[in-house]
């Protein structure tokens, strides 16, 4: 079996210079969009049920590498992002139509020359610095009949086989079509095909490929086909199955079982069991793929306190497959900055969350966790390896007054590798959504 070497997430980036994204170009796109919307505007529900929101995100990241073996001592940037999203209502009639649109744009405030690729902004190799600005725009057409909806264009999926990335400045998006249906009570079905992706560090739409390492081989697939569903046996017990096929690269099966049990005196326990099976597909552009993983999670909650324990194990000769730009897969119970998805790796996590609303401070939340992974197969005659991650996240959302909805967050990540470059990372994030209508 061919082993797929996975990089440290800090090094994930696109090795190209994206084209400029000017405000003039954005205006042209907006004008074109208005031309499309005007014929539909005659339908009252299309307009009255529509909304236009502008998301603002100020993002600062500083990653300090430790040790003499680090390829660079420090990376990071400070940027301001904008996410304009229009969501229409639907026309009248049994077969209803709608149209959504989005435009994302980010401007670098600091973090130029001398600070390498930081997984937030695109990196210009020719200049040796992050680009000054970048962005993208897209449309999504939608058709609804009863409780079934077809969407064509840009998507931000939250599926076990495809998940968008909202962890940095601009949000990664998939492009293609998706059908979602809830015609049967308790059963949610989803199917579709994505043939392109726009990663968090790119202005471009590109074909999907398997991410192996920075500047690794790019053997594009024609598309990702997927189908699956979730059935709720009771309000507290549900099961999921999803299938994904990245054509000529891999096939993926996902099984999930989730149950929540309420005890007396305000206690509740949520348990999740998740399993993935990943194999090569078709022409196997990246060779044989042999990966299976299972994860078990238990979260005990009492008032504002939540204690979570989880265990995750990778089986087979390869790491868990990820898409362009190290696209995340948070359905893995120990997904994090380090990810813990290397060949044969077993990892456990202990996590604590506290909601300060219990103490009369609504909007203030704390999360801290520690994850340890070991038994990593480095191949050949090399010894096994290990890695750990400790996270601290403090988040506050203003609850009232003129700044209501303003979010402030600080996250600290301490990552250590037995064979690799340790780092300490700080993120400061300010968010606000301005509802234009």
Protein backbone atom coordinates (compact mmCIF):
# COMPACT_ATOMS: atom_id res chain seq x y z
CA UNK A 1 0.00 0.00 0.00
CA UNK A 2 1.23 3.51 -0.78
CA UNK A 3 1.51 5.67 2.29
CA UNK A 4 0.10 9.19 2.18
CA UNK A 5 2.28 11.56 4.18
CA UNK A 6 0.30 14.28 5.91
CA UNK A 7 1.82 17.71 6.69
CA UNK A 8 1.64 19.75 9.79
CA UNK A 9 -1.48 21.89 9.33
CA UNK A 10 0.61 25.02 9.74
CA UNK A 11 2.16 24.46 6.35
CA UNK A 12 -1.03 24.00 4.36
CA UNK A 13 -1.27 26.56 1.60
CA UNK A 14 -1.89 27.14 -2.07
CA UNK A 15 1.29 27.47 -4.15
CA UNK A 16 0.11 30.08 -6.55
CA UNK A 17 -0.68 33.77 -6.73
CA UNK A 18 -4.40 34.45 -6.94
CA UNK A 19 -5.63 37.11 -9.28
CA UNK A 20 -6.66 40.52 -7.96
CA UNK A 21 -10.14 41.04 -6.61
CA UNK A 22 -11.02 44.68 -7.13
CA UNK A 23 -13.99 46.62 -5.86
CA UNK A 24 -14.76 47.57 -9.46
CA UNK A 25 -15.05 43.93 -10.41
CA UNK A 26 -17.31 43.36 -7.43
CA UNK A 27 -19.58 46.20 -8.60
CA UNK A 28 -19.81 44.67 -12.07
CA UNK A 29 -20.82 41.36 -10.54
CA UNK A 30 -23.39 43.10 -8.36
CA UNK A 31 -24.89 44.86 -11.38
CA UNK A 32 -25.12 41.57 -13.24
CA UNK A 33 -26.80 40.04 -10.22
CA UNK A 34 -29.41 42.79 -10.13
CA UNK A 35 -30.23 42.01 -13.75
CA UNK A 36 -30.92 38.44 -12.81
CA UNK A 37 -32.98 39.37 -9.75
CA UNK A 38 -35.23 42.00 -11.32
CA UNK A 39 -37.54 39.56 -13.18
CA UNK A 40 -37.95 37.56 -9.99
CA UNK A 41 -38.60 40.62 -7.84
CA UNK A 42 -42.17 40.75 -9.13
CA UNK A 43 -42.95 37.80 -6.88
CA UNK A 44 -43.82 39.16 -3.44
CA UNK A 45 -42.60 36.15 -1.43
CA UNK A 46 -39.28 36.21 -3.25
CA UNK A 47 -38.66 39.77 -2.00
CA UNK A 48 -40.53 39.85 1.31
CA UNK A 49 -38.85 36.69 2.60
CA UNK A 50 -35.38 37.70 1.44
CA UNK A 51 -32.54 38.91 3.62
CA UNK A 52 -29.22 40.64 3.06
CA UNK A 53 -26.48 40.33 5.68
CA UNK A 54 -22.95 41.66 5.82
CA UNK A 55 -20.62 39.64 8.01
CA UNK A 56 -17.51 41.43 9.33
CA UNK A 57 -14.53 39.53 10.66
CA UNK A 58 -11.30 40.98 11.99
CA UNK A 59 -8.77 38.14 12.26
CA UNK A 60 -5.33 38.17 13.87
CA UNK A 61 -3.12 35.06 13.95
CA UNK A 62 0.39 34.66 15.32
CA UNK A 63 2.11 31.25 15.27
CA UNK A 64 5.49 31.01 17.01
CA UNK A 65 7.52 27.91 16.13
CA UNK A 66 9.87 26.48 18.75
CA UNK A 67 13.07 24.54 18.21
CA UNK A 68 16.04 24.77 15.88
CA UNK A 69 14.47 22.45 13.29
CA UNK A 70 11.60 24.81 12.49
CA UNK A 71 11.68 25.93 8.81
CA UNK A 72 10.58 29.42 9.85
CA UNK A 73 10.44 31.06 13.25
CA UNK A 74 7.12 32.86 12.99
CA UNK A 75 4.07 33.21 10.73
CA UNK A 76 0.91 35.24 11.00
CA UNK A 77 -1.17 38.12 9.73
CA UNK A 78 -3.87 40.61 10.62
CA UNK A 79 -6.74 41.07 8.19
CA UNK A 80 -10.26 42.41 7.81
CA UNK A 81 -12.85 40.28 6.04
CA UNK A 82 -16.30 40.90 4.60
CA UNK A 83 -18.94 38.29 3.78
CA UNK A 84 -21.97 39.72 1.98
CA UNK A 85 -24.79 37.20 1.63
CA UNK A 86 -28.16 37.63 -0.08
CA UNK A 87 -30.78 34.93 0.51
CA UNK A 88 -34.02 35.23 -1.38
CA UNK A 89 -37.44 33.91 -0.54
CA UNK A 90 -39.30 31.69 -3.00
CA UNK A 91 -41.73 32.41 -5.79
CA UNK A 92 -45.30 31.18 -5.39
CA UNK A 93 -46.72 27.92 -6.70
CA UNK A 94 -46.09 24.20 -6.19
CA UNK A 95 -42.66 24.49 -7.83
CA UNK A 96 -40.90 27.42 -6.19
CA UNK A 97 -37.75 29.23 -7.31
CA UNK A 98 -35.17 31.34 -5.52
CA UNK A 99 -31.67 32.75 -5.90
CA UNK A 100 -28.90 33.35 -3.37
CA UNK A 101 -25.69 35.31 -3.86
CA UNK A 102 -22.51 35.89 -1.90
CA UNK A 103 -19.36 38.00 -2.13
CA UNK A 104 -16.34 37.55 0.13
CA UNK A 105 -13.42 39.94 0.38
CA UNK A 106 -10.41 40.25 2.71
CA UNK A 107 -7.77 42.96 3.09
CA UNK A 108 -4.43 42.44 4.81
CA UNK A 109 -3.79 45.02 7.52
CA UNK A 110 -0.43 43.62 8.62
CA UNK A 111 1.78 40.56 8.15
CA UNK A 112 3.73 41.24 4.99
CA UNK A 113 7.30 40.37 4.03
CA UNK A 114 9.26 38.10 6.31
CA UNK A 115 6.26 36.25 7.69
CA UNK A 116 5.59 33.08 5.77
CA UNK A 117 2.35 31.37 4.74
CA UNK A 118 0.03 31.27 7.75
CA UNK A 119 -3.03 29.29 6.49
CA UNK A 120 -5.12 32.50 6.56
CA UNK A 121 -4.17 34.56 3.49
CA UNK A 122 -2.89 33.45 0.08
CA UNK A 123 0.88 33.55 -0.24
CA UNK A 124 2.67 35.16 -3.18
CA UNK A 125 5.85 33.12 -3.73
CA UNK A 126 7.27 35.66 -6.19
CA UNK A 127 7.09 38.49 -3.62
CA UNK A 128 7.71 36.34 -0.54
CA UNK A 129 4.67 37.63 1.32
CA UNK A 130 0.92 37.26 1.71
CA UNK A 131 -1.20 39.03 -0.87
CA UNK A 132 -2.66 42.43 0.00
CA UNK A 133 -6.24 41.42 -0.71
CA UNK A 134 -8.33 38.66 -2.27
CA UNK A 135 -11.93 37.61 -2.63
CA UNK A 136 -14.57 35.78 -4.61
CA UNK A 137 -18.28 35.86 -5.45
CA UNK A 138 -20.86 33.26 -6.46
CA UNK A 139 -24.55 32.53 -7.07
CA UNK A 140 -26.77 29.70 -5.91
CA UNK A 141 -30.02 28.91 -7.71
CA UNK A 142 -32.60 26.97 -5.73
CA UNK A 143 -35.80 25.11 -6.54
CA UNK A 144 -38.19 23.78 -3.91
CA UNK A 145 -41.08 21.35 -4.14
CA UNK A 146 -42.85 20.40 -0.93
CA UNK A 147 -40.02 19.51 1.51
CA UNK A 148 -37.41 18.81 -1.16
CA UNK A 149 -34.91 21.45 -2.33
CA UNK A 150 -32.43 21.46 -5.20
CA UNK A 151 -29.57 23.95 -5.01
CA UNK A 152 -27.12 24.64 -7.83
CA UNK A 153 -24.00 26.75 -7.44
CA UNK A 154 -22.09 27.64 -4.26
CA UNK A 155 -22.52 25.54 -1.09
CA UNK A 156 -21.27 25.58 2.49
CA UNK A 157 -21.98 21.96 3.43
CA UNK A 158 -21.86 20.41 6.89
CA UNK A 159 -21.77 16.76 5.84
CA UNK A 160 -19.64 13.80 7.01
CA UNK A 161 -18.24 13.56 3.46
CA UNK A 162 -17.84 17.31 2.70
CA UNK A 163 -17.46 20.13 5.22
CA UNK A 164 -16.77 23.82 4.63
CA UNK A 165 -14.02 25.65 6.50
CA UNK A 166 -14.95 28.64 8.67
CA UNK A 167 -11.87 28.57 10.89
CA UNK A 168 -9.86 31.37 9.25
CA UNK A 169 -10.73 34.60 7.39
CA UNK A 170 -12.71 33.75 4.25
CA UNK A 171 -14.99 30.74 4.26
CA UNK A 172 -14.17 27.84 1.94
CA UNK A 173 -17.02 26.86 -0.40
CA UNK A 174 -17.92 23.92 -2.64
CA UNK A 175 -19.50 24.29 -6.09
CA UNK A 176 -21.95 21.92 -7.76
CA UNK A 177 -25.46 20.77 -6.91
CA UNK A 178 -27.19 19.27 -3.91
CA UNK A 179 -30.64 17.81 -3.21
CA UNK A 180 -31.96 17.81 0.35
CA UNK A 181 -35.27 16.22 1.31
CA UNK A 182 -37.32 15.82 4.48
CA UNK A 183 -40.49 14.34 2.99
CA UNK A 184 -40.58 11.54 5.59
CA UNK A 185 -40.88 12.53 9.25
CA UNK A 186 -37.60 11.97 11.06
CA UNK A 187 -35.63 11.22 7.88
CA UNK A 188 -33.28 13.74 6.27
CA UNK A 189 -31.78 12.76 2.91
CA UNK A 190 -28.98 14.52 1.03
CA UNK A 191 -27.33 13.79 -2.32
CA UNK A 192 -25.36 15.71 -4.89
CA UNK A 193 -22.12 16.34 -6.70
CA UNK A 194 -19.41 18.94 -6.10
CA UNK A 195 -16.91 19.43 -8.92
CA UNK A 196 -15.00 22.46 -7.60
CA UNK A 197 -13.86 24.04 -4.35
CA UNK A 198 -12.71 27.50 -3.28
CA UNK A 199 -10.38 27.03 -0.32
CA UNK A 200 -9.90 29.50 2.52
CA UNK A 201 -6.64 30.78 0.98
CA UNK A 202 -7.74 31.21 -2.62
CA UNK A 203 -9.80 33.42 -4.93
CA UNK A 204 -10.10 30.61 -7.46
CA UNK A 205 -12.44 27.72 -8.11
CA UNK A 206 -10.39 24.57 -8.61
CA UNK A 207 -11.03 20.88 -9.09
CA UNK A 208 -10.93 18.62 -6.07
CA UNK A 209 -7.78 16.65 -5.28
CA UNK A 210 -6.24 14.77 -2.37
CA UNK A 211 -4.15 16.97 -0.10
CA UNK A 212 -0.97 15.09 0.84
CA UNK A 213 1.61 17.74 1.78
CA UNK A 214 2.59 21.32 0.92
CA UNK A 215 3.42 21.54 -2.78
CA UNK A 216 2.46 17.87 -3.07
CA UNK A 217 1.06 16.26 -6.23
CA UNK A 218 -2.22 17.65 -7.57
CA UNK A 219 -4.10 15.01 -9.52
CA UNK A 220 -7.56 16.51 -9.91
CA UNK A 221 -10.75 14.51 -9.82
CA UNK A 222 -13.76 15.23 -12.02
CA UNK A 223 -15.95 15.51 -8.95
CA UNK A 224 -17.17 14.35 -5.55
CA UNK A 225 -20.43 12.37 -5.64
CA UNK A 226 -22.24 11.88 -2.35
CA UNK A 227 -25.48 10.59 -0.85
CA UNK A 228 -26.74 9.74 2.60
CA UNK A 229 -29.14 10.55 5.34
CA UNK A 230 -29.96 10.71 9.03
CA UNK A 231 -32.94 9.04 10.68
CA UNK A 232 -34.19 10.06 14.12
CA UNK A 233 -35.71 6.99 15.79
CA UNK A 234 -36.63 9.19 18.74
CA UNK A 235 -35.82 12.82 19.63
CA UNK A 236 -32.79 11.48 21.52
CA UNK A 237 -31.57 8.68 19.22
CA UNK A 238 -30.44 9.04 15.59
CA UNK A 239 -28.35 7.13 13.05
CA UNK A 240 -26.55 8.36 9.92
CA UNK A 241 -25.02 6.83 6.81
CA UNK A 242 -23.20 8.73 4.04
CA UNK A 243 -21.27 7.65 0.98
CA UNK A 244 -18.74 9.80 -0.85
CA UNK A 245 -16.85 9.10 -4.07
CA UNK A 246 -14.02 11.37 -5.11
CA UNK A 247 -13.83 9.98 -8.64
CA UNK A 248 -10.61 8.07 -9.39
CA UNK A 249 -9.19 8.89 -5.96
CA UNK A 250 -11.19 7.44 -3.06
CA UNK A 251 -14.48 6.00 -1.87
CA UNK A 252 -15.70 6.85 1.62
CA UNK A 253 -18.36 5.25 3.84
CA UNK A 254 -19.53 6.90 7.05
CA UNK A 255 -21.66 5.43 9.84
CA UNK A 256 -22.77 7.41 12.88
CA UNK A 257 -24.93 6.79 15.93
CA UNK A 258 -25.89 9.50 18.42
CA UNK A 259 -27.89 9.30 21.63
CA UNK A 260 -28.73 11.78 24.37
CA UNK A 261 -30.01 10.62 27.73
CA UNK A 262 -31.44 12.98 30.35
CA UNK A 263 -30.92 12.07 33.99
CA UNK A 264 -32.35 13.63 37.09
CA UNK A 265 -31.15 16.82 38.73
CA UNK A 266 -30.33 18.48 35.38
CA UNK A 267 -27.73 15.98 34.16
CA UNK A 268 -27.62 14.77 30.54
CA UNK A 269 -25.22 12.54 28.64
CA UNK A 270 -24.61 12.62 24.89
CA UNK A 271 -22.76 9.73 23.25
CA UNK A 272 -21.56 9.57 19.65
CA UNK A 273 -20.08 6.62 17.77
CA UNK A 274 -18.58 7.42 14.34
CA UNK A 275 -16.88 5.19 11.80
CA UNK A 276 -15.20 5.87 8.43
CA UNK A 277 -13.99 3.44 5.77
CA UNK A 278 -11.77 4.94 3.03
CA UNK A 279 -10.55 3.03 -0.05
CA UNK A 280 -9.11 3.93 -3.46
CA UNK A 281 -11.50 4.46 -6.38
CA UNK A 282 -11.31 3.91 -10.12
CA UNK A 283 -7.92 4.82 -11.58
CA UNK A 284 -6.54 5.41 -8.06
CA UNK A 285 -4.66 8.60 -9.01
CA UNK A 286 -2.89 8.60 -5.63
CA UNK A 287 -2.38 4.85 -5.47
CA UNK A 288 -3.93 2.49 -2.95
CA UNK A 289 -5.75 4.11 -0.03
CA UNK A 290 -6.19 2.07 3.12
CA UNK A 291 -7.73 3.95 6.03
CA UNK A 292 -10.43 3.15 8.54
CA UNK A 293 -11.19 5.17 11.62
CA UNK A 294 -13.55 5.01 14.54
CA UNK A 295 -14.34 7.51 17.25
CA UNK A 296 -16.30 7.40 20.49
CA UNK A 297 -17.38 10.55 22.31
CA UNK A 298 -19.22 11.11 25.58
CA UNK A 299 -20.31 14.55 26.84
CA UNK A 300 -21.76 14.91 30.35
CA UNK A 301 -23.65 18.17 30.92
CA UNK A 302 -24.90 19.81 34.09
CA UNK A 303 -26.20 23.39 33.98
CA UNK A 304 -23.35 25.42 32.44
CA UNK A 305 -20.74 22.67 32.77
CA UNK A 306 -19.92 20.15 30.01
CA UNK A 307 -17.22 17.51 30.37
CA UNK A 308 -16.31 15.61 27.19
CA UNK A 309 -14.14 12.52 26.79
CA UNK A 310 -13.36 11.01 23.39
CA UNK A 311 -11.15 8.40 21.75
CA UNK A 312 -10.22 8.17 18.07
CA UNK A 313 -8.24 5.51 16.22
CA UNK A 314 -6.81 5.41 12.70
CA UNK A 315 -6.39 1.96 11.16
CA UNK A 316 -4.65 0.97 7.92
CA UNK A 317 -1.56 2.09 6.03
CA UNK A 318 -2.63 5.66 5.28
CA UNK A 319 -3.72 8.86 6.97
CA UNK A 320 -7.33 9.97 6.81
CA UNK A 321 -7.87 11.56 3.36
CA UNK A 322 -8.49 15.30 3.24
CA UNK A 323 -9.23 17.62 0.32
CA UNK A 324 -7.58 20.74 -1.11
CA UNK A 325 -5.86 23.01 1.37
CA UNK A 326 -6.34 20.63 4.31
CA UNK A 327 -10.13 21.01 4.24
CA UNK A 328 -11.43 20.11 7.73
CA UNK A 329 -13.47 17.09 8.75
CA UNK A 330 -14.88 17.91 12.22
CA UNK A 331 -17.06 14.79 12.17
CA UNK A 332 -13.91 13.11 13.43
CA UNK A 333 -14.24 13.35 17.21
CA UNK A 334 -10.68 14.61 17.74
CA UNK A 335 -10.44 16.98 14.79
CA UNK A 336 -8.43 20.05 15.79
CA UNK A 337 -5.46 22.13 14.61
CA UNK A 338 -3.23 19.03 14.70
CA UNK A 339 -6.11 16.79 13.50
CA UNK A 340 -4.68 13.48 14.84
CA UNK A 341 -5.33 11.59 11.60
CA UNK A 342 -1.93 10.06 10.80
CA UNK A 343 -1.46 6.36 9.97
CA UNK A 344 -2.27 4.03 12.89
CA UNK A 345 -2.66 6.96 15.29
CA UNK A 346 -4.70 6.53 18.43
CA UNK A 347 -5.75 9.70 20.26
CA UNK A 348 -7.78 10.61 23.32
CA UNK A 349 -9.28 13.95 24.36
CA UNK A 350 -10.53 15.52 27.55
CA UNK A 351 -12.49 18.74 27.12
CA UNK A 352 -14.28 21.14 29.43
CA UNK A 353 -16.83 23.81 28.42
CA UNK A 354 -18.48 26.37 30.66
CA UNK A 355 -21.33 28.76 29.87
CA UNK A 356 -21.11 31.78 32.18
CA UNK A 357 -24.83 32.46 31.74
CA UNK A 358 -25.17 30.22 34.80
CA UNK A 359 -23.36 32.92 36.78
CA UNK A 360 -25.43 35.70 35.24
CA UNK A 361 -23.04 36.58 32.40
CA UNK A 362 -24.84 35.47 29.23
CA UNK A 363 -22.76 35.43 26.07
CA UNK A 364 -19.48 34.49 27.78
CA UNK A 365 -18.20 30.95 27.13
CA UNK A 366 -15.02 29.04 27.90
CA UNK A 367 -13.60 25.95 26.20
CA UNK A 368 -10.39 24.15 27.07
CA UNK A 369 -9.15 20.75 25.94
CA UNK A 370 -6.16 18.48 25.79
CA UNK A 371 -5.59 15.87 23.05
CA UNK A 372 -2.82 13.30 22.93
CA UNK A 373 -2.00 11.08 19.95
CA UNK A 374 0.48 8.20 19.82
CA UNK A 375 1.46 5.12 17.83
CA UNK A 376 1.89 7.10 14.59
CA UNK A 377 3.38 4.88 11.89
CA UNK A 378 6.09 6.86 10.06
CA UNK A 379 6.79 4.03 7.64
CA UNK A 380 9.90 2.05 6.86
CA UNK A 381 12.10 1.27 9.85
CA UNK A 382 11.36 4.57 11.59
CA UNK A 383 10.11 4.53 15.15
CA UNK A 384 6.53 5.44 15.98
CA UNK A 385 5.76 9.05 16.81
CA UNK A 386 3.42 11.05 19.05
CA UNK A 387 1.88 14.52 19.26
CA UNK A 388 -0.24 16.59 21.65
CA UNK A 389 -2.39 19.71 21.54
CA UNK A 390 -3.74 21.96 24.28
CA UNK A 391 -6.40 24.57 23.40
CA UNK A 392 -7.97 27.44 25.29
CA UNK A 393 -10.87 29.43 23.81
CA UNK A 394 -12.66 32.35 25.43
CA UNK A 395 -15.61 33.79 23.52
CA UNK A 396 -18.00 36.65 24.32
CA UNK A 397 -20.99 37.96 22.37
CA UNK A 398 -22.53 41.29 23.43
CA UNK A 399 -26.15 40.63 24.40
CA UNK A 400 -27.72 44.10 24.39
CA UNK A 401 -27.20 47.75 23.53
CA UNK A 402 -25.89 49.32 20.32
CA UNK A 403 -23.15 46.67 20.01
CA UNK A 404 -25.51 43.71 20.40
CA UNK A 405 -24.22 40.73 18.41
CA UNK A 406 -20.58 41.84 18.46
CA UNK A 407 -18.39 38.78 19.06
CA UNK A 408 -14.94 38.78 20.64
CA UNK A 409 -12.80 35.64 20.83
CA UNK A 410 -9.31 34.67 21.92
CA UNK A 411 -7.86 31.24 21.19
CA UNK A 412 -4.52 29.84 22.26
CA UNK A 413 -3.11 26.61 20.78
CA UNK A 414 -0.06 24.80 22.12
CA UNK A 415 1.03 21.96 19.78
CA UNK A 416 3.92 19.57 20.42
CA UNK A 417 5.39 16.89 18.15
CA UNK A 418 7.86 14.15 18.96
CA UNK A 419 9.17 14.43 15.40
CA UNK A 420 8.39 17.92 14.13
CA UNK A 421 8.30 21.62 14.98
CA UNK A 422 6.34 22.58 18.09
CA UNK A 423 4.42 25.85 18.04
CA UNK A 424 2.37 28.20 20.15
CA UNK A 425 -0.44 30.05 18.38
CA UNK A 426 -2.73 32.90 19.34
CA UNK A 427 -5.84 34.01 17.47
CA UNK A 428 -7.84 37.17 18.15
CA UNK A 429 -11.15 37.36 16.31
CA UNK A 430 -13.83 40.05 16.23
CA UNK A 431 -17.09 39.34 14.39
CA UNK A 432 -20.26 41.23 13.68
CA UNK A 433 -23.18 40.62 11.32
CA UNK A 434 -24.94 43.70 10.00
CA UNK A 435 -28.48 42.84 8.92
CA UNK A 436 -29.18 45.19 6.03
CA UNK A 437 -32.75 43.88 5.73
